[in-house]
Amino acid sequence: MATRREFITKMSAGLCCLALNISCKKEPDSHKVRFGVISDVHQDLQSDAPRRLQAFIDASKDWNPDFIIQLGDLSHGEDFDTIREVWEQFPGERYSVLGNHDMDHTPKDAIVKALGMPGKYYSYDFGEIHFVVLDLNYMREDGQFFDFDRGNYFRAKWGGGP
């Protein structure tokens, strides 16, 4: 199973290829899709998290992308209202991906609801492009897959809590 870092690296490479493909279209009425991406803000772990997210939101408002997406670890599941208020300042479409630390102290379903996500995994269309958002936050024990939930992966991997 790929690690989160490997997944993000591969997805970033894929997004770059996609962006290159989109920007190379020569059709007169084609629309280039512009989107902003942020990841690993880590509210509750990094004291400047709200400031960094605010800088991203402000830059996104100035740049006016078609949508923004955060790729996970927006928070650690505590004091979530602070970071969500900043995230929701962007007036356009916002999409979220679950990161493993989002469920350090909170159940996965609560984070999905707090972020206004349609589900743990979902897809959406923008123009002629179909985007797919996956949830890779599972662990496997005895051949069974379980949701990351309230830091249970820490206990499973190292025998401790977050």
C-alpha atoms as a PDB file:
ATOM      1  CA  MET A   1       0.000   0.000   0.000  1.00  0.00           C
ATOM      2  CA  ALA A   2       1.364   3.441  -0.892  1.00  0.00           C
ATOM      3  CA  THR A   3       2.210   5.864   1.875  1.00  0.00           C
ATOM      4  CA  ARG A   4       0.469   9.253   2.024  1.00  0.00           C
ATOM      5  CA  ARG A   5       3.681  10.956   0.873  1.00  0.00           C
ATOM      6  CA  GLU A   6       4.011   8.602  -2.116  1.00  0.00           C
ATOM      7  CA  PHE A   7       0.347   9.154  -2.994  1.00  0.00           C
ATOM      8  CA  ILE A   8       0.687  12.958  -2.828  1.00  0.00           C
ATOM      9  CA  THR A   9       3.872  12.833  -4.905  1.00  0.00           C
ATOM     10  CA  LYS A  10       2.217  10.710  -7.582  1.00  0.00           C
ATOM     11  CA  MET A  11      -0.948  12.819  -7.560  1.00  0.00           C
ATOM     12  CA  SER A  12       1.124  16.008  -7.849  1.00  0.00           C
ATOM     13  CA  ALA A  13       2.921  14.592 -10.865  1.00  0.00           C
ATOM     14  CA  GLY A  14      -0.424  13.581 -12.368  1.00  0.00           C
ATOM     15  CA  LEU A  15      -1.895  17.017 -11.733  1.00  0.00           C
ATOM     16  CA  CYS A  16       1.121  18.628 -13.414  1.00  0.00           C
ATOM     17  CA  CYS A  17       0.603  16.411 -16.448  1.00  0.00           C
ATOM     18  CA  LEU A  18      -3.090  17.259 -16.430  1.00  0.00           C
ATOM     19  CA  ALA A  19      -2.336  20.984 -16.142  1.00  0.00           C
ATOM     20  CA  LEU A  20       0.121  20.721 -19.026  1.00  0.00           C
ATOM     21  CA  ASN A  21      -2.466  18.893 -21.122  1.00  0.00           C
ATOM     22  CA  ILE A  22      -5.140  21.483 -20.356  1.00  0.00           C
ATOM     23  CA  SER A  23      -2.867  24.441 -21.023  1.00  0.00           C
ATOM     24  CA  CYS A  24      -1.829  22.990 -24.383  1.00  0.00           C
ATOM     25  CA  LYS A  25      -5.359  22.978 -25.795  1.00  0.00           C
ATOM     26  CA  LYS A  26      -5.567  25.120 -28.915  1.00  0.00           C
ATOM     27  CA  GLU A  27      -9.333  25.102 -29.363  1.00  0.00           C
ATOM     28  CA  PRO A  28     -10.648  28.680 -29.487  1.00  0.00           C
ATOM     29  CA  ASP A  29     -13.463  28.139 -26.962  1.00  0.00           C
ATOM     30  CA  SER A  30     -11.547  25.862 -24.599  1.00  0.00           C
ATOM     31  CA  HIS A  31     -11.387  26.934 -20.983  1.00  0.00           C
ATOM     32  CA  LYS A  32      -8.257  26.379 -18.978  1.00  0.00           C
ATOM     33  CA  VAL A  33      -9.079  25.090 -15.528  1.00  0.00           C
ATOM     34  CA  ARG A  34      -7.350  27.070 -12.813  1.00  0.00           C
ATOM     35  CA  PHE A  35      -7.357  25.800  -9.260  1.00  0.00           C
ATOM     36  CA  GLY A  36      -5.463  26.471  -6.067  1.00  0.00           C
ATOM     37  CA  VAL A  37      -4.030  23.661  -3.960  1.00  0.00           C
ATOM     38  CA  ILE A  38      -2.908  23.668  -0.333  1.00  0.00           C
ATOM     39  CA  SER A  39      -1.967  20.806   1.946  1.00  0.00           C
ATOM     40  CA  ASP A  40      -0.832  20.060   5.484  1.00  0.00           C
ATOM     41  CA  VAL A  41      -1.917  23.267   7.202  1.00  0.00           C
ATOM     42  CA  HIS A  42      -1.912  21.383  10.554  1.00  0.00           C
ATOM     43  CA  GLN A  43      -4.117  23.575  12.752  1.00  0.00           C
ATOM     44  CA  ASP A  44      -3.477  22.639  16.413  1.00  0.00           C
ATOM     45  CA  LEU A  45       0.105  21.598  15.649  1.00  0.00           C
ATOM     46  CA  GLN A  46       1.636  24.630  13.930  1.00  0.00           C
ATOM     47  CA  SER A  47       0.905  27.968  15.573  1.00  0.00           C
ATOM     48  CA  ASP A  48       0.940  29.880  12.280  1.00  0.00           C
ATOM     49  CA  ALA A  49      -1.598  27.577  10.585  1.00  0.00           C
ATOM     50  CA  PRO A  50      -4.430  30.149  10.430  1.00  0.00           C
ATOM     51  CA  ARG A  51      -2.035  32.793   9.076  1.00  0.00           C
ATOM     52  CA  ARG A  52      -0.701  30.471   6.358  1.00  0.00           C
ATOM     53  CA  LEU A  53      -4.181  29.387   5.328  1.00  0.00           C
ATOM     54  CA  GLN A  54      -5.308  33.036   5.318  1.00  0.00           C
ATOM     55  CA  ALA A  55      -2.396  33.913   3.004  1.00  0.00           C
ATOM     56  CA  PHE A  56      -3.501  31.114   0.647  1.00  0.00           C
ATOM     57  CA  ILE A  57      -7.145  32.262   0.736  1.00  0.00           C
ATOM     58  CA  ASP A  58      -6.174  35.908   0.109  1.00  0.00           C
ATOM     59  CA  ALA A  59      -3.920  34.932  -2.798  1.00  0.00           C
ATOM     60  CA  SER A  60      -6.674  32.715  -4.195  1.00  0.00           C
ATOM     61  CA  LYS A  61      -9.178  35.569  -4.050  1.00  0.00           C
ATOM     62  CA  ASP A  62      -6.727  37.767  -5.971  1.00  0.00           C
ATOM     63  CA  TRP A  63      -5.898  35.047  -8.501  1.00  0.00           C
ATOM     64  CA  ASN A  64      -9.549  33.989  -8.907  1.00  0.00           C
ATOM     65  CA  PRO A  65      -9.167  30.264  -9.645  1.00  0.00           C
ATOM     66  CA  ASP A  66     -12.135  28.158 -10.700  1.00  0.00           C
ATOM     67  CA  PHE A  67     -11.945  26.350  -7.342  1.00  0.00           C
ATOM     68  CA  ILE A  68      -9.580  25.534  -4.495  1.00  0.00           C
ATOM     69  CA  ILE A  69      -8.801  22.202  -2.893  1.00  0.00           C
ATOM     70  CA  GLN A  70      -7.012  21.256   0.307  1.00  0.00           C
ATOM     71  CA  LEU A  71      -5.305  17.885   0.264  1.00  0.00           C
ATOM     72  CA  GLY A  72      -5.657  16.934   3.908  1.00  0.00           C
ATOM     73  CA  ASP A  73      -4.277  17.546   7.380  1.00  0.00           C
ATOM     74  CA  LEU A  74      -6.128  20.838   7.631  1.00  0.00           C
ATOM     75  CA  SER A  75      -6.343  20.243  11.383  1.00  0.00           C
ATOM     76  CA  HIS A  76      -5.818  17.590  13.979  1.00  0.00           C
ATOM     77  CA  GLY A  77      -9.501  17.456  14.777  1.00  0.00           C
ATOM     78  CA  GLU A  78      -9.390  19.964  17.623  1.00  0.00           C
ATOM     79  CA  ASP A  79     -10.414  23.633  17.596  1.00  0.00           C
ATOM     80  CA  PHE A  80     -11.660  23.016  14.073  1.00  0.00           C
ATOM     81  CA  ASP A  81     -13.943  26.067  13.949  1.00  0.00           C
ATOM     82  CA  THR A  82     -10.971  28.465  13.815  1.00  0.00           C
ATOM     83  CA  ILE A  83      -9.442  26.953  10.700  1.00  0.00           C
ATOM     84  CA  ARG A  84     -12.815  26.290   9.065  1.00  0.00           C
ATOM     85  CA  GLU A  85     -13.743  29.977   9.353  1.00  0.00           C
ATOM     86  CA  VAL A  86     -10.620  30.881   7.377  1.00  0.00           C
ATOM     87  CA  TRP A  87     -11.228  28.116   4.801  1.00  0.00           C
ATOM     88  CA  GLU A  88     -14.800  29.267   4.218  1.00  0.00           C
ATOM     89  CA  GLN A  89     -13.705  32.833   3.379  1.00  0.00           C
ATOM     90  CA  PHE A  90     -13.036  31.759  -0.204  1.00  0.00           C
ATOM     91  CA  PRO A  91     -16.183  32.751  -2.099  1.00  0.00           C
ATOM     92  CA  GLY A  92     -15.935  30.082  -4.803  1.00  0.00           C
ATOM     93  CA  GLU A  93     -16.041  26.304  -4.891  1.00  0.00           C
ATOM     94  CA  ARG A  94     -13.977  24.559  -2.210  1.00  0.00           C
ATOM     95  CA  TYR A  95     -13.078  20.884  -2.123  1.00  0.00           C
ATOM     96  CA  SER A  96     -11.382  18.845   0.576  1.00  0.00           C
ATOM     97  CA  VAL A  97      -9.496  15.585   0.864  1.00  0.00           C
ATOM     98  CA  LEU A  98      -9.158  13.818   4.213  1.00  0.00           C
ATOM     99  CA  GLY A  99      -5.666  13.615   5.682  1.00  0.00           C
ATOM    100  CA  ASN A 100      -4.644  11.136   8.351  1.00  0.00           C
ATOM    101  CA  HIS A 101      -4.164  13.805  11.032  1.00  0.00           C
ATOM    102  CA  ASP A 102      -7.639  15.243  10.478  1.00  0.00           C
ATOM    103  CA  MET A 103      -8.848  12.244  12.485  1.00  0.00           C
ATOM    104  CA  ASP A 104      -6.317  12.475  15.345  1.00  0.00           C
ATOM    105  CA  HIS A 105      -9.001  13.496  17.841  1.00  0.00           C
ATOM    106  CA  THR A 106     -12.221  13.362  15.847  1.00  0.00           C
ATOM    107  CA  PRO A 107     -14.209  10.670  14.032  1.00  0.00           C
ATOM    108  CA  LYS A 108     -13.912  10.679  10.258  1.00  0.00           C
ATOM    109  CA  ASP A 109     -17.631  11.290   9.708  1.00  0.00           C
ATOM    110  CA  ALA A 110     -17.473  14.422  11.891  1.00  0.00           C
ATOM    111  CA  ILE A 111     -14.623  15.869   9.800  1.00  0.00           C
ATOM    112  CA  VAL A 112     -16.487  15.052   6.566  1.00  0.00           C
ATOM    113  CA  LYS A 113     -19.523  16.894   7.907  1.00  0.00           C
ATOM    114  CA  ALA A 114     -17.514  19.852   9.263  1.00  0.00           C
ATOM    115  CA  LEU A 115     -15.845  20.359   5.886  1.00  0.00           C
ATOM    116  CA  GLY A 116     -19.130  20.081   4.006  1.00  0.00           C
ATOM    117  CA  MET A 117     -17.808  17.156   2.001  1.00  0.00           C
ATOM    118  CA  PRO A 118     -20.421  15.013   0.224  1.00  0.00           C
ATOM    119  CA  GLY A 119     -18.697  11.905   1.576  1.00  0.00           C
ATOM    120  CA  LYS A 120     -15.349  10.328   2.422  1.00  0.00           C
ATOM    121  CA  TYR A 121     -14.786   9.936  -1.290  1.00  0.00           C
ATOM    122  CA  TYR A 122     -16.590  11.694  -4.098  1.00  0.00           C
ATOM    123  CA  SER A 123     -16.170  13.107  -7.568  1.00  0.00           C
ATOM    124  CA  TYR A 124     -17.085  16.299  -9.342  1.00  0.00           C
ATOM    125  CA  ASP A 125     -16.932  17.729 -12.833  1.00  0.00           C
ATOM    126  CA  PHE A 126     -15.450  20.979 -13.937  1.00  0.00           C
ATOM    127  CA  GLY A 127     -15.823  21.662 -17.613  1.00  0.00           C
ATOM    128  CA  GLU A 128     -14.851  18.514 -19.430  1.00  0.00           C
ATOM    129  CA  ILE A 129     -12.708  17.225 -16.561  1.00  0.00           C
ATOM    130  CA  HIS A 130     -13.911  14.682 -14.028  1.00  0.00           C
ATOM    131  CA  PHE A 131     -12.127  14.946 -10.665  1.00  0.00           C
ATOM    132  CA  VAL A 132     -12.095  12.068  -8.183  1.00  0.00           C
ATOM    133  CA  VAL A 133     -11.380  12.550  -4.469  1.00  0.00           C
ATOM    134  CA  LEU A 134     -10.364   9.403  -2.595  1.00  0.00           C
ATOM    135  CA  ASP A 135     -10.113   8.542   1.070  1.00  0.00           C
ATOM    136  CA  LEU A 136      -6.932   6.563   1.726  1.00  0.00           C
ATOM    137  CA  ASN A 137      -7.164   6.789   5.509  1.00  0.00           C
ATOM    138  CA  TYR A 138      -7.620   3.172   6.455  1.00  0.00           C
ATOM    139  CA  MET A 139      -5.557   0.653   8.303  1.00  0.00           C
ATOM    140  CA  ARG A 140      -5.536  -3.068   7.931  1.00  0.00           C
ATOM    141  CA  GLU A 141      -5.588  -5.525  10.789  1.00  0.00           C
ATOM    142  CA  ASP A 142      -6.081  -9.252  10.384  1.00  0.00           C
ATOM    143  CA  GLY A 143      -7.136  -8.807   6.753  1.00  0.00           C
ATOM    144  CA  GLN A 144      -9.840  -6.243   7.626  1.00  0.00           C
ATOM    145  CA  PHE A 145      -9.792  -2.539   6.758  1.00  0.00           C
ATOM    146  CA  PHE A 146     -10.763   0.025   9.390  1.00  0.00           C
ATOM    147  CA  ASP A 147     -11.254   3.792   9.194  1.00  0.00           C
ATOM    148  CA  PHE A 148      -8.673   6.030  10.817  1.00  0.00           C
ATOM    149  CA  ASP A 149     -10.610   7.350  13.800  1.00  0.00           C
ATOM    150  CA  ARG A 150      -9.493   9.384  16.809  1.00  0.00           C
ATOM    151  CA  GLY A 151      -5.831   8.507  16.362  1.00  0.00           C
ATOM    152  CA  ASN A 152      -6.351   4.736  16.321  1.00  0.00           C
ATOM    153  CA  TYR A 153      -3.569   4.355  13.744  1.00  0.00           C
ATOM    154  CA  PHE A 154      -1.067   5.647  16.343  1.00  0.00           C
ATOM    155  CA  ARG A 155      -2.074   2.895  18.737  1.00  0.00           C
ATOM    156  CA  ALA A 156      -2.015   0.259  16.009  1.00  0.00           C
ATOM    157  CA  LYS A 157       1.388   1.311  14.687  1.00  0.00           C
ATOM    158  CA  TRP A 158       3.264   2.378  17.811  1.00  0.00           C
ATOM    159  CA  GLY A 159       1.063   1.390  20.730  1.00  0.00           C
ATOM    160  CA  GLY A 160       0.506   4.999  21.823  1.00  0.00           C
ATOM    161  CA  GLY A 161      -1.896   7.888  21.303  1.00  0.00           C
ATOM    162  CA  PRO A 162      -1.573  11.116  19.321  1.00  0.00           C
END
